[in-house]
Protein backbone atom coordinates (compact mmCIF):
# COMPACT_ATOMS: atom_id res chain seq x y z
CA UNK A 1 0.00 0.00 0.00
CA UNK A 2 2.92 2.35 0.65
CA UNK A 3 4.22 2.15 -2.92
CA UNK A 4 0.82 2.96 -4.41
CA UNK A 5 0.37 5.89 -2.05
CA UNK A 6 3.85 7.23 -2.80
CA UNK A 7 3.53 6.93 -6.58
CA UNK A 8 -0.03 8.21 -6.87
CA UNK A 9 0.91 11.85 -7.42
CA UNK A 10 3.55 10.86 -10.00
CA UNK A 11 1.12 8.65 -11.92
CA UNK A 12 -1.68 11.24 -11.73
CA UNK A 13 0.68 13.96 -13.00
CA UNK A 14 1.90 11.79 -15.85
CA UNK A 15 -1.63 10.91 -16.95
CA UNK A 16 -2.72 14.55 -16.72
CA UNK A 17 0.34 15.68 -18.70
CA UNK A 18 -0.30 13.16 -21.46
CA UNK A 19 -3.97 14.20 -21.69
CA UNK A 20 -3.12 17.92 -21.86
CA UNK A 21 -0.36 17.37 -24.44
CA UNK A 22 -2.68 15.40 -26.71
CA UNK A 23 -5.75 17.62 -26.47
CA UNK A 24 -4.41 21.17 -26.18
CA UNK A 25 -1.84 23.24 -28.03
CA UNK A 26 1.09 23.16 -25.60
CA UNK A 27 4.16 25.29 -26.50
CA UNK A 28 7.49 23.59 -27.11
CA UNK A 29 9.53 24.19 -23.95
CA UNK A 30 12.91 23.62 -25.64
CA UNK A 31 12.11 26.26 -28.25
CA UNK A 32 11.03 28.73 -25.56
CA UNK A 33 14.22 28.08 -23.58
CA UNK A 34 16.41 28.64 -26.67
CA UNK A 35 14.61 31.91 -27.40
CA UNK A 36 15.05 33.08 -23.81
CA UNK A 37 18.77 32.25 -23.84
CA UNK A 38 19.25 34.11 -27.13
CA UNK A 39 17.47 37.21 -25.80
CA UNK A 40 19.51 37.06 -22.57
CA UNK A 41 22.77 36.80 -24.52
CA UNK A 42 21.88 39.75 -26.77
CA UNK A 43 20.85 41.83 -23.74
CA UNK A 44 24.09 41.00 -21.94
CA UNK A 45 26.20 41.97 -24.95
CA UNK A 46 24.26 45.22 -25.38
CA UNK A 47 24.54 46.44 -21.79
CA UNK A 48 27.94 45.02 -20.81
CA UNK A 49 30.48 47.52 -19.49
CA UNK A 50 33.59 47.90 -21.65
CA UNK A 51 36.57 45.90 -20.43
CA UNK A 52 39.24 48.35 -19.25
CA UNK A 53 41.79 45.64 -18.39
CA UNK A 54 42.17 44.55 -22.00
CA UNK A 55 45.74 44.96 -23.30
CA UNK A 56 46.24 46.83 -26.54
CA UNK A 57 47.69 44.79 -29.39
CA UNK A 58 50.55 47.31 -29.77
CA UNK A 59 51.76 46.82 -26.16
CA UNK A 60 53.27 43.35 -26.77
PDB file of N, CA and C in Angstrom:
ATOM      1  N   UNK A   1       0.819  -1.190   0.000  1.00  0.00           N
ATOM      2  CA  UNK A   1       0.000   0.000   0.000  1.00  0.00           C
ATOM      3  C   UNK A   1       0.864   1.257   0.000  1.00  0.00           C
ATOM      4  N   UNK A   2       2.051   1.196   0.584  1.00  0.00           N
ATOM      5  CA  UNK A   2       2.922   2.352   0.651  1.00  0.00           C
ATOM      6  C   UNK A   2       3.448   2.781  -0.717  1.00  0.00           C
ATOM      7  N   UNK A   3       3.712   1.827  -1.585  1.00  0.00           N
ATOM      8  CA  UNK A   3       4.218   2.149  -2.923  1.00  0.00           C
ATOM      9  C   UNK A   3       3.133   2.835  -3.742  1.00  0.00           C
ATOM     10  N   UNK A   4       1.932   2.360  -3.653  1.00  0.00           N
ATOM     11  CA  UNK A   4       0.817   2.955  -4.407  1.00  0.00           C
ATOM     12  C   UNK A   4       0.557   4.375  -3.919  1.00  0.00           C
ATOM     13  N   UNK A   5       0.594   4.569  -2.624  1.00  0.00           N
ATOM     14  CA  UNK A   5       0.369   5.890  -2.048  1.00  0.00           C
ATOM     15  C   UNK A   5       1.485   6.861  -2.450  1.00  0.00           C
ATOM     16  N   UNK A   6       2.717   6.380  -2.463  1.00  0.00           N
ATOM     17  CA  UNK A   6       3.854   7.229  -2.803  1.00  0.00           C
ATOM     18  C   UNK A   6       3.911   7.580  -4.281  1.00  0.00           C
ATOM     19  N   UNK A   7       3.458   6.706  -5.139  1.00  0.00           N
ATOM     20  CA  UNK A   7       3.534   6.930  -6.582  1.00  0.00           C
ATOM     21  C   UNK A   7       2.264   7.542  -7.158  1.00  0.00           C
ATOM     22  N   UNK A   8       1.239   7.716  -6.346  1.00  0.00           N
ATOM     23  CA  UNK A   8      -0.035   8.206  -6.869  1.00  0.00           C
ATOM     24  C   UNK A   8       0.096   9.576  -7.511  1.00  0.00           C
ATOM     25  N   UNK A   9       0.786  10.501  -6.853  1.00  0.00           N
ATOM     26  CA  UNK A   9       0.906  11.846  -7.425  1.00  0.00           C
ATOM     27  C   UNK A   9       1.730  11.820  -8.711  1.00  0.00           C
ATOM     28  N   UNK A  10       2.757  10.983  -8.781  1.00  0.00           N
ATOM     29  CA  UNK A  10       3.550  10.864 -10.000  1.00  0.00           C
ATOM     30  C   UNK A  10       2.712  10.305 -11.146  1.00  0.00           C
ATOM     31  N   UNK A  11       1.961   9.264 -10.885  1.00  0.00           N
ATOM     32  CA  UNK A  11       1.118   8.649 -11.920  1.00  0.00           C
ATOM     33  C   UNK A  11       0.017   9.605 -12.352  1.00  0.00           C
ATOM     34  N   UNK A  12      -0.620  10.279 -11.397  1.00  0.00           N
ATOM     35  CA  UNK A  12      -1.679  11.238 -11.731  1.00  0.00           C
ATOM     36  C   UNK A  12      -1.118  12.395 -12.555  1.00  0.00           C
ATOM     37  N   UNK A  13       0.058  12.878 -12.229  1.00  0.00           N
ATOM     38  CA  UNK A  13       0.677  13.955 -12.996  1.00  0.00           C
ATOM     39  C   UNK A  13       1.045  13.524 -14.404  1.00  0.00           C
ATOM     40  N   UNK A  14       1.546  12.311 -14.538  1.00  0.00           N
ATOM     41  CA  UNK A  14       1.897  11.790 -15.853  1.00  0.00           C
ATOM     42  C   UNK A  14       0.663  11.642 -16.735  1.00  0.00           C
ATOM     43  N   UNK A  15      -0.384  11.087 -16.185  1.00  0.00           N
ATOM     44  CA  UNK A  15      -1.625  10.913 -16.948  1.00  0.00           C
ATOM     45  C   UNK A  15      -2.206  12.268 -17.343  1.00  0.00           C
ATOM     46  N   UNK A  16      -2.210  13.212 -16.421  1.00  0.00           N
ATOM     47  CA  UNK A  16      -2.722  14.554 -16.722  1.00  0.00           C
ATOM     48  C   UNK A  16      -1.862  15.228 -17.793  1.00  0.00           C
ATOM     49  N   UNK A  17      -0.556  15.095 -17.709  1.00  0.00           N
ATOM     50  CA  UNK A  17       0.338  15.677 -18.703  1.00  0.00           C
ATOM     51  C   UNK A  17       0.134  15.097 -20.091  1.00  0.00           C
ATOM     52  N   UNK A  18      -0.048  13.801 -20.172  1.00  0.00           N
ATOM     53  CA  UNK A  18      -0.305  13.157 -21.464  1.00  0.00           C
ATOM     54  C   UNK A  18      -1.624  13.637 -22.045  1.00  0.00           C
ATOM     55  N   UNK A  19      -2.651  13.727 -21.218  1.00  0.00           N
ATOM     56  CA  UNK A  19      -3.967  14.197 -21.685  1.00  0.00           C
ATOM     57  C   UNK A  19      -3.882  15.624 -22.215  1.00  0.00           C
ATOM     58  N   UNK A  20      -3.228  16.507 -21.466  1.00  0.00           N
ATOM     59  CA  UNK A  20      -3.124  17.919 -21.864  1.00  0.00           C
ATOM     60  C   UNK A  20      -2.310  18.040 -23.151  1.00  0.00           C
ATOM     61  N   UNK A  21      -1.206  17.288 -23.255  1.00  0.00           N
ATOM     62  CA  UNK A  21      -0.357  17.367 -24.441  1.00  0.00           C
ATOM     63  C   UNK A  21      -1.082  16.891 -25.695  1.00  0.00           C
ATOM     64  N   UNK A  22      -1.967  15.924 -25.552  1.00  0.00           N
ATOM     65  CA  UNK A  22      -2.685  15.397 -26.710  1.00  0.00           C
ATOM     66  C   UNK A  22      -3.868  16.259 -27.115  1.00  0.00           C
ATOM     67  N   UNK A  23      -4.492  16.941 -26.170  1.00  0.00           N
ATOM     68  CA  UNK A  23      -5.748  17.618 -26.473  1.00  0.00           C
ATOM     69  C   UNK A  23      -5.655  19.135 -26.548  1.00  0.00           C
ATOM     70  N   UNK A  24      -4.556  19.719 -26.166  1.00  0.00           N
ATOM     71  CA  UNK A  24      -4.412  21.166 -26.182  1.00  0.00           C
ATOM     72  C   UNK A  24      -3.109  21.543 -26.882  1.00  0.00           C
ATOM     73  N   UNK A  25      -3.051  22.766 -27.360  1.00  0.00           N
ATOM     74  CA  UNK A  25      -1.843  23.243 -28.032  1.00  0.00           C
ATOM     75  C   UNK A  25      -0.860  23.725 -26.958  1.00  0.00           C
ATOM     76  N   UNK A  26       0.113  22.886 -26.643  1.00  0.00           N
ATOM     77  CA  UNK A  26       1.091  23.164 -25.605  1.00  0.00           C
ATOM     78  C   UNK A  26       2.371  23.665 -26.293  1.00  0.00           C
ATOM     79  N   UNK A  27       2.945  24.787 -25.848  1.00  0.00           N
ATOM     80  CA  UNK A  27       4.159  25.290 -26.496  1.00  0.00           C
ATOM     81  C   UNK A  27       5.352  24.363 -26.264  1.00  0.00           C
ATOM     82  N   UNK A  28       6.275  24.392 -27.205  1.00  0.00           N
ATOM     83  CA  UNK A  28       7.491  23.588 -27.113  1.00  0.00           C
ATOM     84  C   UNK A  28       8.453  24.259 -26.132  1.00  0.00           C
ATOM     85  N   UNK A  29       8.717  23.613 -25.015  1.00  0.00           N
ATOM     86  CA  UNK A  29       9.530  24.186 -23.950  1.00  0.00           C
ATOM     87  C   UNK A  29      10.975  24.393 -24.400  1.00  0.00           C
ATOM     88  N   UNK A  30      11.522  23.479 -25.176  1.00  0.00           N
ATOM     89  CA  UNK A  30      12.907  23.616 -25.638  1.00  0.00           C
ATOM     90  C   UNK A  30      13.055  24.852 -26.526  1.00  0.00           C
ATOM     91  N   UNK A  31      12.078  25.085 -27.372  1.00  0.00           N
ATOM     92  CA  UNK A  31      12.114  26.257 -28.251  1.00  0.00           C
ATOM     93  C   UNK A  31      12.015  27.550 -27.435  1.00  0.00           C
ATOM     94  N   UNK A  32      11.151  27.570 -26.431  1.00  0.00           N
ATOM     95  CA  UNK A  32      11.033  28.734 -25.562  1.00  0.00           C
ATOM     96  C   UNK A  32      12.327  28.990 -24.793  1.00  0.00           C
ATOM     97  N   UNK A  33      12.964  27.936 -24.323  1.00  0.00           N
ATOM     98  CA  UNK A  33      14.221  28.083 -23.580  1.00  0.00           C
ATOM     99  C   UNK A  33      15.325  28.626 -24.484  1.00  0.00           C
ATOM    100  N   UNK A  34      15.400  28.130 -25.727  1.00  0.00           N
ATOM    101  CA  UNK A  34      16.408  28.639 -26.666  1.00  0.00           C
ATOM    102  C   UNK A  34      16.180  30.115 -26.967  1.00  0.00           C
ATOM    103  N   UNK A  35      14.922  30.502 -27.144  1.00  0.00           N
ATOM    104  CA  UNK A  35      14.608  31.905 -27.403  1.00  0.00           C
ATOM    105  C   UNK A  35      14.996  32.774 -26.213  1.00  0.00           C
ATOM    106  N   UNK A  36      14.697  32.328 -25.018  1.00  0.00           N
ATOM    107  CA  UNK A  36      15.047  33.076 -23.808  1.00  0.00           C
ATOM    108  C   UNK A  36      16.557  33.240 -23.682  1.00  0.00           C
ATOM    109  N   UNK A  37      17.319  32.169 -23.936  1.00  0.00           N
ATOM    110  CA  UNK A  37      18.773  32.251 -23.835  1.00  0.00           C
ATOM    111  C   UNK A  37      19.352  33.198 -24.883  1.00  0.00           C
ATOM    112  N   UNK A  38      18.782  33.196 -26.083  1.00  0.00           N
ATOM    113  CA  UNK A  38      19.246  34.108 -27.130  1.00  0.00           C
ATOM    114  C   UNK A  38      19.004  35.554 -26.729  1.00  0.00           C
ATOM    115  N   UNK A  39      17.802  35.850 -26.223  1.00  0.00           N
ATOM    116  CA  UNK A  39      17.475  37.213 -25.802  1.00  0.00           C
ATOM    117  C   UNK A  39      18.372  37.636 -24.637  1.00  0.00           C
ATOM    118  N   UNK A  40      18.633  36.745 -23.702  1.00  0.00           N
ATOM    119  CA  UNK A  40      19.509  37.062 -22.570  1.00  0.00           C
ATOM    120  C   UNK A  40      20.928  37.352 -23.044  1.00  0.00           C
ATOM    121  N   UNK A  41      21.426  36.583 -24.005  1.00  0.00           N
ATOM    122  CA  UNK A  41      22.772  36.796 -24.523  1.00  0.00           C
ATOM    123  C   UNK A  41      22.878  38.141 -25.243  1.00  0.00           C
ATOM    124  N   UNK A  42      21.876  38.480 -26.054  1.00  0.00           N
ATOM    125  CA  UNK A  42      21.880  39.753 -26.767  1.00  0.00           C
ATOM    126  C   UNK A  42      21.804  40.914 -25.773  1.00  0.00           C
ATOM    127  N   UNK A  43      20.973  40.791 -24.749  1.00  0.00           N
ATOM    128  CA  UNK A  43      20.846  41.830 -23.740  1.00  0.00           C
ATOM    129  C   UNK A  43      22.157  42.014 -22.981  1.00  0.00           C
ATOM    130  N   UNK A  44      22.809  40.914 -22.648  1.00  0.00           N
ATOM    131  CA  UNK A  44      24.089  40.999 -21.937  1.00  0.00           C
ATOM    132  C   UNK A  44      25.142  41.698 -22.797  1.00  0.00           C
ATOM    133  N   UNK A  45      25.223  41.355 -24.061  1.00  0.00           N
ATOM    134  CA  UNK A  45      26.202  41.973 -24.947  1.00  0.00           C
ATOM    135  C   UNK A  45      25.905  43.457 -25.155  1.00  0.00           C
ATOM    136  N   UNK A  46      24.641  43.820 -25.160  1.00  0.00           N
ATOM    137  CA  UNK A  46      24.262  45.216 -25.381  1.00  0.00           C
ATOM    138  C   UNK A  46      24.624  46.091 -24.188  1.00  0.00           C
ATOM    139  N   UNK A  47      24.374  45.623 -22.989  1.00  0.00           N
ATOM    140  CA  UNK A  47      24.535  46.444 -21.794  1.00  0.00           C
ATOM    141  C   UNK A  47      25.797  46.153 -20.991  1.00  0.00           C
ATOM    142  N   UNK A  48      26.705  45.361 -21.515  1.00  0.00           N
ATOM    143  CA  UNK A  48      27.937  45.025 -20.807  1.00  0.00           C
ATOM    144  C   UNK A  48      28.858  46.244 -20.758  1.00  0.00           C
ATOM    145  N   UNK A  49      29.511  46.437 -19.618  1.00  0.00           N
ATOM    146  CA  UNK A  49      30.478  47.517 -19.493  1.00  0.00           C
ATOM    147  C   UNK A  49      31.709  47.174 -20.325  1.00  0.00           C
ATOM    148  N   UNK A  50      32.367  48.190 -20.886  1.00  0.00           N
ATOM    149  CA  UNK A  50      33.590  47.899 -21.646  1.00  0.00           C
ATOM    150  C   UNK A  50      34.681  47.389 -20.719  1.00  0.00           C
ATOM    151  N   UNK A  51      35.494  46.501 -21.218  1.00  0.00           N
ATOM    152  CA  UNK A  51      36.566  45.897 -20.430  1.00  0.00           C
ATOM    153  C   UNK A  51      37.786  46.808 -20.462  1.00  0.00           C
ATOM    154  N   UNK A  52      38.110  47.430 -19.333  1.00  0.00           N
ATOM    155  CA  UNK A  52      39.243  48.351 -19.253  1.00  0.00           C
ATOM    156  C   UNK A  52      40.566  47.634 -19.045  1.00  0.00           C
ATOM    157  N   UNK A  53      40.563  46.380 -18.664  1.00  0.00           N
ATOM    158  CA  UNK A  53      41.790  45.643 -18.390  1.00  0.00           C
ATOM    159  C   UNK A  53      42.369  44.987 -19.631  1.00  0.00           C
ATOM    160  N   UNK A  54      41.729  45.176 -20.764  1.00  0.00           N
ATOM    161  CA  UNK A  54      42.174  44.554 -21.996  1.00  0.00           C
ATOM    162  C   UNK A  54      43.470  45.221 -22.476  1.00  0.00           C
ATOM    163  N   UNK A  55      44.474  44.423 -22.813  1.00  0.00           N
ATOM    164  CA  UNK A  55      45.738  44.963 -23.303  1.00  0.00           C
ATOM    165  C   UNK A  55      45.584  45.352 -24.772  1.00  0.00           C
ATOM    166  N   UNK A  56      46.231  46.435 -25.136  1.00  0.00           N
ATOM    167  CA  UNK A  56      46.239  46.829 -26.539  1.00  0.00           C
ATOM    168  C   UNK A  56      47.140  45.867 -27.309  1.00  0.00           C
ATOM    169  N   UNK A  57      46.875  45.687 -28.576  1.00  0.00           N
ATOM    170  CA  UNK A  57      47.687  44.792 -29.385  1.00  0.00           C
ATOM    171  C   UNK A  57      49.074  45.371 -29.620  1.00  0.00           C
ATOM    172  N   UNK A  58      49.246  46.677 -29.528  1.00  0.00           N
ATOM    173  CA  UNK A  58      50.546  47.309 -29.766  1.00  0.00           C
ATOM    174  C   UNK A  58      51.458  47.239 -28.540  1.00  0.00           C
ATOM    175  N   UNK A  59      50.981  46.850 -27.393  1.00  0.00           N
ATOM    176  CA  UNK A  59      51.759  46.818 -26.156  1.00  0.00           C
ATOM    177  C   UNK A  59      52.427  45.462 -25.919  1.00  0.00           C
ATOM    178  N   UNK A  60      52.671  44.672 -26.936  1.00  0.00           N
ATOM    179  CA  UNK A  60      53.271  43.346 -26.767  1.00  0.00           C
ATOM    180  C   UNK A  60      54.580  43.433 -26.165  1.00  0.00           C
TER     181      UNK A  60
END
